[in-house]
Amino acid sequence: MIYRIGPVGLEAKAQEVLGTGKNKTAVPFSDFLKNAVIDQVSTTNDLIQKANQKGIEFALGKIDDIAEVNAVQEIANASLQFTVQLRNSLLEAYNEIMRLQV
């Protein structure tokens, strides 16, 4: 699909990507945030479990390639670090909101 260059075309593309077009109902931000966090945590958990399994398989001699084990463990580590930074950012935002004076 070709989009117009300009605000109208960009707005249509943004609505399509975000799922807020005319045919779709808008998702509340709280639900969007909750689903994003749940997806990130479950993905990180899956990656950590796969990395642990690869380590066990390497220790048992089922896998000979240490590079594969290291790669899987580095990916799981990066995902865990991202999840921790996400948590820290959410807590920081929450604390900022709590400090607001009404």
PDB file of N, CA and C in Angstrom:
ATOM      1  N   MET A   1       0.847  -1.174   0.000  1.00  0.00           N
ATOM      2  CA  MET A   1       0.000   0.000   0.000  1.00  0.00           C
ATOM      3  C   MET A   1       0.891   1.235   0.000  1.00  0.00           C
ATOM      4  N   ILE A   2       0.514   2.220  -0.746  1.00  0.00           N
ATOM      5  CA  ILE A   2       1.265   3.463  -0.845  1.00  0.00           C
ATOM      6  C   ILE A   2       0.562   4.506   0.013  1.00  0.00           C
ATOM      7  N   TYR A   3       1.339   5.211   0.819  1.00  0.00           N
ATOM      8  CA  TYR A   3       0.800   6.233   1.693  1.00  0.00           C
ATOM      9  C   TYR A   3       1.208   7.602   1.187  1.00  0.00           C
ATOM     10  N   ARG A   4       0.308   8.542   1.396  1.00  0.00           N
ATOM     11  CA  ARG A   4       0.622   9.917   1.034  1.00  0.00           C
ATOM     12  C   ARG A   4       1.722  10.447   1.922  1.00  0.00           C
ATOM     13  N   ILE A   5       2.520  11.299   1.369  1.00  0.00           N
ATOM     14  CA  ILE A   5       3.520  11.980   2.178  1.00  0.00           C
ATOM     15  C   ILE A   5       2.829  13.185   2.795  1.00  0.00           C
ATOM     16  N   GLY A   6       2.891  13.264   4.078  1.00  0.00           N
ATOM     17  CA  GLY A   6       2.258  14.362   4.786  1.00  0.00           C
ATOM     18  C   GLY A   6       1.543  13.845   6.012  1.00  0.00           C
ATOM     19  N   PRO A   7       0.958  14.742   6.781  1.00  0.00           N
ATOM     20  CA  PRO A   7       0.343  14.356   8.044  1.00  0.00           C
ATOM     21  C   PRO A   7      -0.797  13.356   7.898  1.00  0.00           C
ATOM     22  N   VAL A   8      -1.600  13.477   6.848  1.00  0.00           N
ATOM     23  CA  VAL A   8      -2.746  12.586   6.703  1.00  0.00           C
ATOM     24  C   VAL A   8      -2.273  11.162   6.430  1.00  0.00           C
ATOM     25  N   GLY A   9      -1.306  10.995   5.554  1.00  0.00           N
ATOM     26  CA  GLY A   9      -0.780   9.672   5.250  1.00  0.00           C
ATOM     27  C   GLY A   9      -0.074   9.052   6.436  1.00  0.00           C
ATOM     28  N   LEU A  10       0.689   9.866   7.146  1.00  0.00           N
ATOM     29  CA  LEU A  10       1.375   9.365   8.330  1.00  0.00           C
ATOM     30  C   LEU A  10       0.392   8.991   9.425  1.00  0.00           C
ATOM     31  N   GLU A  11      -0.660   9.777   9.560  1.00  0.00           N
ATOM     32  CA  GLU A  11      -1.667   9.480  10.573  1.00  0.00           C
ATOM     33  C   GLU A  11      -2.369   8.160  10.267  1.00  0.00           C
ATOM     34  N   ALA A  12      -2.672   7.919   8.992  1.00  0.00           N
ATOM     35  CA  ALA A  12      -3.315   6.667   8.601  1.00  0.00           C
ATOM     36  C   ALA A  12      -2.399   5.482   8.889  1.00  0.00           C
ATOM     37  N   LYS A  13      -1.119   5.620   8.579  1.00  0.00           N
ATOM     38  CA  LYS A  13      -0.159   4.541   8.844  1.00  0.00           C
ATOM     39  C   LYS A  13      -0.015   4.317  10.343  1.00  0.00           C
ATOM     40  N   ALA A  14       0.048   5.376  11.121  1.00  0.00           N
ATOM     41  CA  ALA A  14       0.173   5.244  12.572  1.00  0.00           C
ATOM     42  C   ALA A  14      -1.052   4.549  13.155  1.00  0.00           C
ATOM     43  N   GLN A  15      -2.229   4.905  12.669  1.00  0.00           N
ATOM     44  CA  GLN A  15      -3.447   4.259  13.145  1.00  0.00           C
ATOM     45  C   GLN A  15      -3.457   2.784  12.785  1.00  0.00           C
ATOM     46  N   GLU A  16      -2.971   2.451  11.606  1.00  0.00           N
ATOM     47  CA  GLU A  16      -2.915   1.048  11.189  1.00  0.00           C
ATOM     48  C   GLU A  16      -1.951   0.264  12.065  1.00  0.00           C
ATOM     49  N   VAL A  17      -0.778   0.834  12.320  1.00  0.00           N
ATOM     50  CA  VAL A  17       0.237   0.148  13.127  1.00  0.00           C
ATOM     51  C   VAL A  17      -0.230   0.005  14.568  1.00  0.00           C
ATOM     52  N   LEU A  18      -0.819   1.044  15.117  1.00  0.00           N
ATOM     53  CA  LEU A  18      -1.251   1.022  16.513  1.00  0.00           C
ATOM     54  C   LEU A  18      -2.581   0.312  16.711  1.00  0.00           C
ATOM     55  N   GLY A  19      -3.270   0.017  15.632  1.00  0.00           N
ATOM     56  CA  GLY A  19      -4.548  -0.674  15.753  1.00  0.00           C
ATOM     57  C   GLY A  19      -5.678   0.227  16.195  1.00  0.00           C
ATOM     58  N   THR A  20      -5.601   1.512  15.854  1.00  0.00           N
ATOM     59  CA  THR A  20      -6.643   2.445  16.273  1.00  0.00           C
ATOM     60  C   THR A  20      -7.398   3.008  15.073  1.00  0.00           C
ATOM     61  N   GLY A  21      -7.475   2.234  14.024  1.00  0.00           N
ATOM     62  CA  GLY A  21      -8.161   2.688  12.821  1.00  0.00           C
ATOM     63  C   GLY A  21      -9.658   2.768  13.036  1.00  0.00           C
ATOM     64  N   LYS A  22     -10.391   3.046  11.974  1.00  0.00           N
ATOM     65  CA  LYS A  22     -11.838   3.214  12.067  1.00  0.00           C
ATOM     66  C   LYS A  22     -12.549   1.909  12.420  1.00  0.00           C
ATOM     67  N   ASN A  23     -12.033   0.789  11.951  1.00  0.00           N
ATOM     68  CA  ASN A  23     -12.700  -0.489  12.164  1.00  0.00           C
ATOM     69  C   ASN A  23     -12.375  -1.098  13.522  1.00  0.00           C
ATOM     70  N   LYS A  24     -11.325  -0.659  14.149  1.00  0.00           N
ATOM     71  CA  LYS A  24     -10.871  -1.275  15.383  1.00  0.00           C
ATOM     72  C   LYS A  24     -11.175  -0.384  16.573  1.00  0.00           C
ATOM     73  N   THR A  25     -11.370  -1.037  17.723  1.00  0.00           N
ATOM     74  CA  THR A  25     -11.599  -0.267  18.936  1.00  0.00           C
ATOM     75  C   THR A  25     -10.260   0.069  19.577  1.00  0.00           C
ATOM     76  N   ALA A  26     -10.201   1.191  20.213  1.00  0.00           N
ATOM     77  CA  ALA A  26      -8.964   1.630  20.859  1.00  0.00           C
ATOM     78  C   ALA A  26      -8.716   0.792  22.103  1.00  0.00           C
ATOM     79  N   VAL A  27      -7.470   0.451  22.327  1.00  0.00           N
ATOM     80  CA  VAL A  27      -7.077  -0.318  23.508  1.00  0.00           C
ATOM     81  C   VAL A  27      -6.613   0.672  24.570  1.00  0.00           C
ATOM     82  N   PRO A  28      -7.130   0.567  25.787  1.00  0.00           N
ATOM     83  CA  PRO A  28      -6.663   1.467  26.845  1.00  0.00           C
ATOM     84  C   PRO A  28      -5.166   1.286  27.081  1.00  0.00           C
ATOM     85  N   PHE A  29      -4.503   2.379  27.432  1.00  0.00           N
ATOM     86  CA  PHE A  29      -3.055   2.340  27.635  1.00  0.00           C
ATOM     87  C   PHE A  29      -2.669   1.358  28.731  1.00  0.00           C
ATOM     88  N   SER A  30      -3.481   1.260  29.774  1.00  0.00           N
ATOM     89  CA  SER A  30      -3.146   0.340  30.868  1.00  0.00           C
ATOM     90  C   SER A  30      -3.126  -1.102  30.380  1.00  0.00           C
ATOM     91  N   ASP A  31      -4.081  -1.482  29.517  1.00  0.00           N
ATOM     92  CA  ASP A  31      -4.095  -2.832  28.969  1.00  0.00           C
ATOM     93  C   ASP A  31      -2.915  -3.057  28.035  1.00  0.00           C
ATOM     94  N   PHE A  32      -2.606  -2.051  27.226  1.00  0.00           N
ATOM     95  CA  PHE A  32      -1.467  -2.146  26.316  1.00  0.00           C
ATOM     96  C   PHE A  32      -0.171  -2.338  27.093  1.00  0.00           C
ATOM     97  N   LEU A  33       0.014  -1.554  28.146  1.00  0.00           N
ATOM     98  CA  LEU A  33       1.220  -1.636  28.962  1.00  0.00           C
ATOM     99  C   LEU A  33       1.304  -2.973  29.688  1.00  0.00           C
ATOM    100  N   LYS A  34       0.177  -3.410  30.236  1.00  0.00           N
ATOM    101  CA  LYS A  34       0.148  -4.687  30.946  1.00  0.00           C
ATOM    102  C   LYS A  34       0.517  -5.831  30.010  1.00  0.00           C
ATOM    103  N   ASN A  35      -0.053  -5.853  28.812  1.00  0.00           N
ATOM    104  CA  ASN A  35       0.243  -6.913  27.852  1.00  0.00           C
ATOM    105  C   ASN A  35       1.698  -6.872  27.395  1.00  0.00           C
ATOM    106  N   ALA A  36       2.239  -5.677  27.219  1.00  0.00           N
ATOM    107  CA  ALA A  36       3.635  -5.549  26.799  1.00  0.00           C
ATOM    108  C   ALA A  36       4.573  -6.078  27.874  1.00  0.00           C
ATOM    109  N   VAL A  37       4.293  -5.759  29.116  1.00  0.00           N
ATOM    110  CA  VAL A  37       5.145  -6.228  30.215  1.00  0.00           C
ATOM    111  C   VAL A  37       5.027  -7.739  30.368  1.00  0.00           C
ATOM    112  N   ILE A  38       3.820  -8.259  30.300  1.00  0.00           N
ATOM    113  CA  ILE A  38       3.618  -9.704  30.424  1.00  0.00           C
ATOM    114  C   ILE A  38       4.330 -10.439  29.293  1.00  0.00           C
ATOM    115  N   ASP A  39       4.234  -9.922  28.072  1.00  0.00           N
ATOM    116  CA  ASP A  39       4.920 -10.540  26.933  1.00  0.00           C
ATOM    117  C   ASP A  39       6.431 -10.523  27.125  1.00  0.00           C
ATOM    118  N   GLN A  40       6.966  -9.412  27.599  1.00  0.00           N
ATOM    119  CA  GLN A  40       8.413  -9.302  27.797  1.00  0.00           C
ATOM    120  C   GLN A  40       8.885 -10.274  28.868  1.00  0.00           C
ATOM    121  N   VAL A  41       8.169 -10.355  29.974  1.00  0.00           N
ATOM    122  CA  VAL A  41       8.568 -11.244  31.058  1.00  0.00           C
ATOM    123  C   VAL A  41       8.483 -12.703  30.619  1.00  0.00           C
ATOM    124  N   SER A  42       7.420 -13.071  29.916  1.00  0.00           N
ATOM    125  CA  SER A  42       7.295 -14.463  29.477  1.00  0.00           C
ATOM    126  C   SER A  42       8.357 -14.820  28.434  1.00  0.00           C
ATOM    127  N   THR A  43       8.673 -13.887  27.535  1.00  0.00           N
ATOM    128  CA  THR A  43       9.720 -14.129  26.552  1.00  0.00           C
ATOM    129  C   THR A  43      11.074 -14.297  27.235  1.00  0.00           C
ATOM    130  N   THR A  44      11.352 -13.446  28.201  1.00  0.00           N
ATOM    131  CA  THR A  44      12.609 -13.550  28.943  1.00  0.00           C
ATOM    132  C   THR A  44      12.691 -14.877  29.688  1.00  0.00           C
ATOM    133  N   ASN A  45      11.595 -15.273  30.302  1.00  0.00           N
ATOM    134  CA  ASN A  45      11.562 -16.542  31.018  1.00  0.00           C
ATOM    135  C   ASN A  45      11.823 -17.711  30.062  1.00  0.00           C
ATOM    136  N   ASP A  46      11.206 -17.691  28.889  1.00  0.00           N
ATOM    137  CA  ASP A  46      11.427 -18.748  27.904  1.00  0.00           C
ATOM    138  C   ASP A  46      12.894 -18.799  27.466  1.00  0.00           C
ATOM    139  N   LEU A  47      13.488 -17.637  27.222  1.00  0.00           N
ATOM    140  CA  LEU A  47      14.886 -17.594  26.796  1.00  0.00           C
ATOM    141  C   LEU A  47      15.825 -18.126  27.884  1.00  0.00           C
ATOM    142  N   ILE A  48      15.535 -17.790  29.129  1.00  0.00           N
ATOM    143  CA  ILE A  48      16.366 -18.277  30.239  1.00  0.00           C
ATOM    144  C   ILE A  48      16.244 -19.789  30.370  1.00  0.00           C
ATOM    145  N   GLN A  49      15.024 -20.301  30.230  1.00  0.00           N
ATOM    146  CA  GLN A  49      14.839 -21.749  30.309  1.00  0.00           C
ATOM    147  C   GLN A  49      15.561 -22.468  29.178  1.00  0.00           C
ATOM    148  N   LYS A  50      15.513 -21.907  27.959  1.00  0.00           N
ATOM    149  CA  LYS A  50      16.226 -22.505  26.833  1.00  0.00           C
ATOM    150  C   LYS A  50      17.732 -22.467  27.053  1.00  0.00           C
ATOM    151  N   ALA A  51      18.235 -21.377  27.611  1.00  0.00           N
ATOM    152  CA  ALA A  51      19.670 -21.269  27.886  1.00  0.00           C
ATOM    153  C   ALA A  51      20.085 -22.296  28.930  1.00  0.00           C
ATOM    154  N   ASN A  52      19.277 -22.466  29.968  1.00  0.00           N
ATOM    155  CA  ASN A  52      19.581 -23.475  30.983  1.00  0.00           C
ATOM    156  C   ASN A  52      19.573 -24.875  30.386  1.00  0.00           C
ATOM    157  N   GLN A  53      18.607 -25.128  29.517  1.00  0.00           N
ATOM    158  CA  GLN A  53      18.519 -26.440  28.881  1.00  0.00           C
ATOM    159  C   GLN A  53      19.738 -26.710  27.995  1.00  0.00           C
ATOM    160  N   LYS A  54      20.174 -25.693  27.252  1.00  0.00           N
ATOM    161  CA  LYS A  54      21.375 -25.844  26.416  1.00  0.00           C
ATOM    162  C   LYS A  54      22.601 -26.120  27.281  1.00  0.00           C
ATOM    163  N   GLY A  55      22.712 -25.453  28.412  1.00  0.00           N
ATOM    164  CA  GLY A  55      23.823 -25.697  29.322  1.00  0.00           C
ATOM    165  C   GLY A  55      23.818 -27.115  29.854  1.00  0.00           C
ATOM    166  N   ILE A  56      22.642 -27.617  30.192  1.00  0.00           N
ATOM    167  CA  ILE A  56      22.524 -28.993  30.681  1.00  0.00           C
ATOM    168  C   ILE A  56      22.889 -29.986  29.578  1.00  0.00           C
ATOM    169  N   GLU A  57      22.388 -29.715  28.357  1.00  0.00           N
ATOM    170  CA  GLU A  57      22.701 -30.597  27.234  1.00  0.00           C
ATOM    171  C   GLU A  57      24.198 -30.602  26.932  1.00  0.00           C
ATOM    172  N   PHE A  58      24.849 -29.443  27.064  1.00  0.00           N
ATOM    173  CA  PHE A  58      26.291 -29.380  26.845  1.00  0.00           C
ATOM    174  C   PHE A  58      27.033 -30.169  27.929  1.00  0.00           C
ATOM    175  N   ALA A  59      26.576 -30.040  29.165  1.00  0.00           N
ATOM    176  CA  ALA A  59      27.227 -30.752  30.266  1.00  0.00           C
ATOM    177  C   ALA A  59      27.063 -32.269  30.123  1.00  0.00           C
ATOM    178  N   LEU A  60      25.939 -32.689  29.547  1.00  0.00           N
ATOM    179  CA  LEU A  60      25.698 -34.118  29.351  1.00  0.00           C
ATOM    180  C   LEU A  60      26.371 -34.655  28.088  1.00  0.00           C
ATOM    181  N   GLY A  61      26.928 -33.777  27.271  1.00  0.00           N
ATOM    182  CA  GLY A  61      27.617 -34.219  26.060  1.00  0.00           C
ATOM    183  C   GLY A  61      26.719 -34.343  24.840  1.00  0.00           C
ATOM    184  N   LYS A  62      25.485 -33.877  24.936  1.00  0.00           N
ATOM    185  CA  LYS A  62      24.567 -33.955  23.789  1.00  0.00           C
ATOM    186  C   LYS A  62      24.879 -32.883  22.751  1.00  0.00           C
ATOM    187  N   ILE A  63      25.499 -31.793  23.184  1.00  0.00           N
ATOM    188  CA  ILE A  63      25.880 -30.696  22.292  1.00  0.00           C
ATOM    189  C   ILE A  63      27.392 -30.526  22.390  1.00  0.00           C
ATOM    190  N   ASP A  64      28.048 -30.421  21.241  1.00  0.00           N
ATOM    191  CA  ASP A  64      29.499 -30.250  21.226  1.00  0.00           C
ATOM    192  C   ASP A  64      29.927 -28.808  20.994  1.00  0.00           C
ATOM    193  N   ASP A  65      29.010 -27.985  20.505  1.00  0.00           N
ATOM    194  CA  ASP A  65      29.359 -26.616  20.106  1.00  0.00           C
ATOM    195  C   ASP A  65      29.155 -25.650  21.273  1.00  0.00           C
ATOM    196  N   ILE A  66      30.249 -25.242  21.884  1.00  0.00           N
ATOM    197  CA  ILE A  66      30.173 -24.304  23.014  1.00  0.00           C
ATOM    198  C   ILE A  66      29.718 -22.926  22.557  1.00  0.00           C
ATOM    199  N   ALA A  67      29.984 -22.578  21.303  1.00  0.00           N
ATOM    200  CA  ALA A  67      29.576 -21.274  20.783  1.00  0.00           C
ATOM    201  C   ALA A  67      28.057 -21.145  20.754  1.00  0.00           C
ATOM    202  N   GLU A  68      27.379 -22.226  20.439  1.00  0.00           N
ATOM    203  CA  GLU A  68      25.915 -22.211  20.425  1.00  0.00           C
ATOM    204  C   GLU A  68      25.371 -21.984  21.831  1.00  0.00           C
ATOM    205  N   VAL A  69      25.970 -22.642  22.800  1.00  0.00           N
ATOM    206  CA  VAL A  69      25.543 -22.488  24.189  1.00  0.00           C
ATOM    207  C   VAL A  69      25.790 -21.056  24.659  1.00  0.00           C
ATOM    208  N   ASN A  70      26.965 -20.517  24.346  1.00  0.00           N
ATOM    209  CA  ASN A  70      27.279 -19.137  24.730  1.00  0.00           C
ATOM    210  C   ASN A  70      26.342 -18.140  24.078  1.00  0.00           C
ATOM    211  N   ALA A  71      26.018 -18.364  22.806  1.00  0.00           N
ATOM    212  CA  ALA A  71      25.124 -17.440  22.095  1.00  0.00           C
ATOM    213  C   ALA A  71      23.742 -17.419  22.733  1.00  0.00           C
ATOM    214  N   VAL A  72      23.217 -18.593  23.045  1.00  0.00           N
ATOM    215  CA  VAL A  72      21.890 -18.666  23.666  1.00  0.00           C
ATOM    216  C   VAL A  72      21.911 -18.007  25.041  1.00  0.00           C
ATOM    217  N   GLN A  73      22.988 -18.218  25.799  1.00  0.00           N
ATOM    218  CA  GLN A  73      23.080 -17.617  27.117  1.00  0.00           C
ATOM    219  C   GLN A  73      23.234 -16.098  27.045  1.00  0.00           C
ATOM    220  N   GLU A  74      23.953 -15.601  26.058  1.00  0.00           N
ATOM    221  CA  GLU A  74      24.095 -14.143  25.889  1.00  0.00           C
ATOM    222  C   GLU A  74      22.767 -13.503  25.505  1.00  0.00           C
ATOM    223  N   ILE A  75      22.003 -14.174  24.658  1.00  0.00           N
ATOM    224  CA  ILE A  75      20.687 -13.649  24.273  1.00  0.00           C
ATOM    225  C   ILE A  75      19.769 -13.598  25.489  1.00  0.00           C
ATOM    226  N   ALA A  76      19.785 -14.657  26.289  1.00  0.00           N
ATOM    227  CA  ALA A  76      18.959 -14.680  27.500  1.00  0.00           C
ATOM    228  C   ALA A  76      19.409 -13.595  28.475  1.00  0.00           C
ATOM    229  N   ASN A  77      20.707 -13.391  28.596  1.00  0.00           N
ATOM    230  CA  ASN A  77      21.236 -12.358  29.487  1.00  0.00           C
ATOM    231  C   ASN A  77      20.817 -10.960  29.019  1.00  0.00           C
ATOM    232  N   ALA A  78      20.895 -10.714  27.720  1.00  0.00           N
ATOM    233  CA  ALA A  78      20.496  -9.409  27.178  1.00  0.00           C
ATOM    234  C   ALA A  78      19.010  -9.167  27.417  1.00  0.00           C
ATOM    235  N   SER A  79      18.204 -10.197  27.227  1.00  0.00           N
ATOM    236  CA  SER A  79      16.763 -10.057  27.459  1.00  0.00           C
ATOM    237  C   SER A  79      16.477  -9.794  28.932  1.00  0.00           C
ATOM    238  N   LEU A  80      17.207 -10.464  29.808  1.00  0.00           N
ATOM    239  CA  LEU A  80      17.022 -10.235  31.242  1.00  0.00           C
ATOM    240  C   LEU A  80      17.416  -8.814  31.628  1.00  0.00           C
ATOM    241  N   GLN A  81      18.527  -8.329  31.095  1.00  0.00           N
ATOM    242  CA  GLN A  81      18.952  -6.956  31.382  1.00  0.00           C
ATOM    243  C   GLN A  81      17.920  -5.947  30.878  1.00  0.00           C
ATOM    244  N   PHE A  82      17.360  -6.199  29.699  1.00  0.00           N
ATOM    245  CA  PHE A  82      16.329  -5.302  29.166  1.00  0.00           C
ATOM    246  C   PHE A  82      15.102  -5.314  30.070  1.00  0.00           C
ATOM    247  N   THR A  83      14.706  -6.499  30.531  1.00  0.00           N
ATOM    248  CA  THR A  83      13.528  -6.602  31.396  1.00  0.00           C
ATOM    249  C   THR A  83      13.756  -5.868  32.718  1.00  0.00           C
ATOM    250  N   VAL A  84      14.947  -5.979  33.268  1.00  0.00           N
ATOM    251  CA  VAL A  84      15.262  -5.268  34.515  1.00  0.00           C
ATOM    252  C   VAL A  84      15.237  -3.757  34.289  1.00  0.00           C
ATOM    253  N   GLN A  85      15.783  -3.299  33.169  1.00  0.00           N
ATOM    254  CA  GLN A  85      15.749  -1.867  32.865  1.00  0.00           C
ATOM    255  C   GLN A  85      14.310  -1.386  32.642  1.00  0.00           C
ATOM    256  N   LEU A  86      13.482  -2.215  32.040  1.00  0.00           N
ATOM    257  CA  LEU A  86      12.062  -1.881  31.863  1.00  0.00           C
ATOM    258  C   LEU A  86      11.393  -1.727  33.222  1.00  0.00           C
ATOM    259  N   ARG A  87      11.663  -2.661  34.124  1.00  0.00           N
ATOM    260  CA  ARG A  87      11.105  -2.584  35.477  1.00  0.00           C
ATOM    261  C   ARG A  87      11.563  -1.314  36.181  1.00  0.00           C
ATOM    262  N   ASN A  88      12.857  -1.009  36.068  1.00  0.00           N
ATOM    263  CA  ASN A  88      13.383   0.193  36.710  1.00  0.00           C
ATOM    264  C   ASN A  88      12.727   1.455  36.159  1.00  0.00           C
ATOM    265  N   SER A  89      12.518   1.496  34.851  1.00  0.00           N
ATOM    266  CA  SER A  89      11.882   2.665  34.239  1.00  0.00           C
ATOM    267  C   SER A  89      10.435   2.801  34.688  1.00  0.00           C
ATOM    268  N   LEU A  90       9.731   1.682  34.782  1.00  0.00           N
ATOM    269  CA  LEU A  90       8.343   1.732  35.237  1.00  0.00           C
ATOM    270  C   LEU A  90       8.252   2.174  36.691  1.00  0.00           C
ATOM    271  N   LEU A  91       9.153   1.676  37.521  1.00  0.00           N
ATOM    272  CA  LEU A  91       9.156   2.102  38.923  1.00  0.00           C
ATOM    273  C   LEU A  91       9.496   3.579  39.061  1.00  0.00           C
ATOM    274  N   GLU A  92      10.439   4.038  38.258  1.00  0.00           N
ATOM    275  CA  GLU A  92      10.806   5.453  38.285  1.00  0.00           C
ATOM    276  C   GLU A  92       9.630   6.327  37.855  1.00  0.00           C
ATOM    277  N   ALA A  93       8.923   5.900  36.815  1.00  0.00           N
ATOM    278  CA  ALA A  93       7.750   6.651  36.360  1.00  0.00           C
ATOM    279  C   ALA A  93       6.663   6.652  37.422  1.00  0.00           C
ATOM    280  N   TYR A  94       6.455   5.521  38.057  1.00  0.00           N
ATOM    281  CA  TYR A  94       5.462   5.437  39.134  1.00  0.00           C
ATOM    282  C   TYR A  94       5.822   6.381  40.276  1.00  0.00           C
ATOM    283  N   ASN A  95       7.090   6.375  40.680  1.00  0.00           N
ATOM    284  CA  ASN A  95       7.525   7.264  41.762  1.00  0.00           C
ATOM    285  C   ASN A  95       7.363   8.732  41.385  1.00  0.00           C
ATOM    286  N   GLU A  96       7.637   9.068  40.145  1.00  0.00           N
ATOM    287  CA  GLU A  96       7.435  10.448  39.680  1.00  0.00           C
ATOM    288  C   GLU A  96       5.965  10.839  39.775  1.00  0.00           C
ATOM    289  N   ILE A  97       5.083   9.937  39.392  1.00  0.00           N
ATOM    290  CA  ILE A  97       3.640  10.222  39.470  1.00  0.00           C
ATOM    291  C   ILE A  97       3.223  10.400  40.919  1.00  0.00           C
ATOM    292  N   MET A  98       3.751   9.573  41.811  1.00  0.00           N
ATOM    293  CA  MET A  98       3.410   9.684  43.222  1.00  0.00           C
ATOM    294  C   MET A  98       3.904  10.986  43.840  1.00  0.00           C
ATOM    295  N   ARG A  99       4.975  11.559  43.303  1.00  0.00           N
ATOM    296  CA  ARG A  99       5.508  12.808  43.823  1.00  0.00           C
ATOM    297  C   ARG A  99       4.744  14.045  43.316  1.00  0.00           C
ATOM    298  N   LEU A 100       3.900  13.851  42.317  1.00  0.00           N
ATOM    299  CA  LEU A 100       3.129  14.980  41.794  1.00  0.00           C
ATOM    300  C   LEU A 100       2.185  15.509  42.868  1.00  0.00           C
ATOM    301  N   GLN A 101       2.088  16.823  42.936  1.00  0.00           N
ATOM    302  CA  GLN A 101       1.162  17.426  43.874  1.00  0.00           C
ATOM    303  C   GLN A 101      -0.116  17.811  43.126  1.00  0.00           C
ATOM    304  N   VAL A 102      -1.214  17.414  43.686  1.00  0.00           N
ATOM    305  CA  VAL A 102      -2.495  17.676  43.032  1.00  0.00           C
ATOM    306  C   VAL A 102      -3.140  18.904  43.593  1.00  0.00           C
TER     307      VAL A 102
END
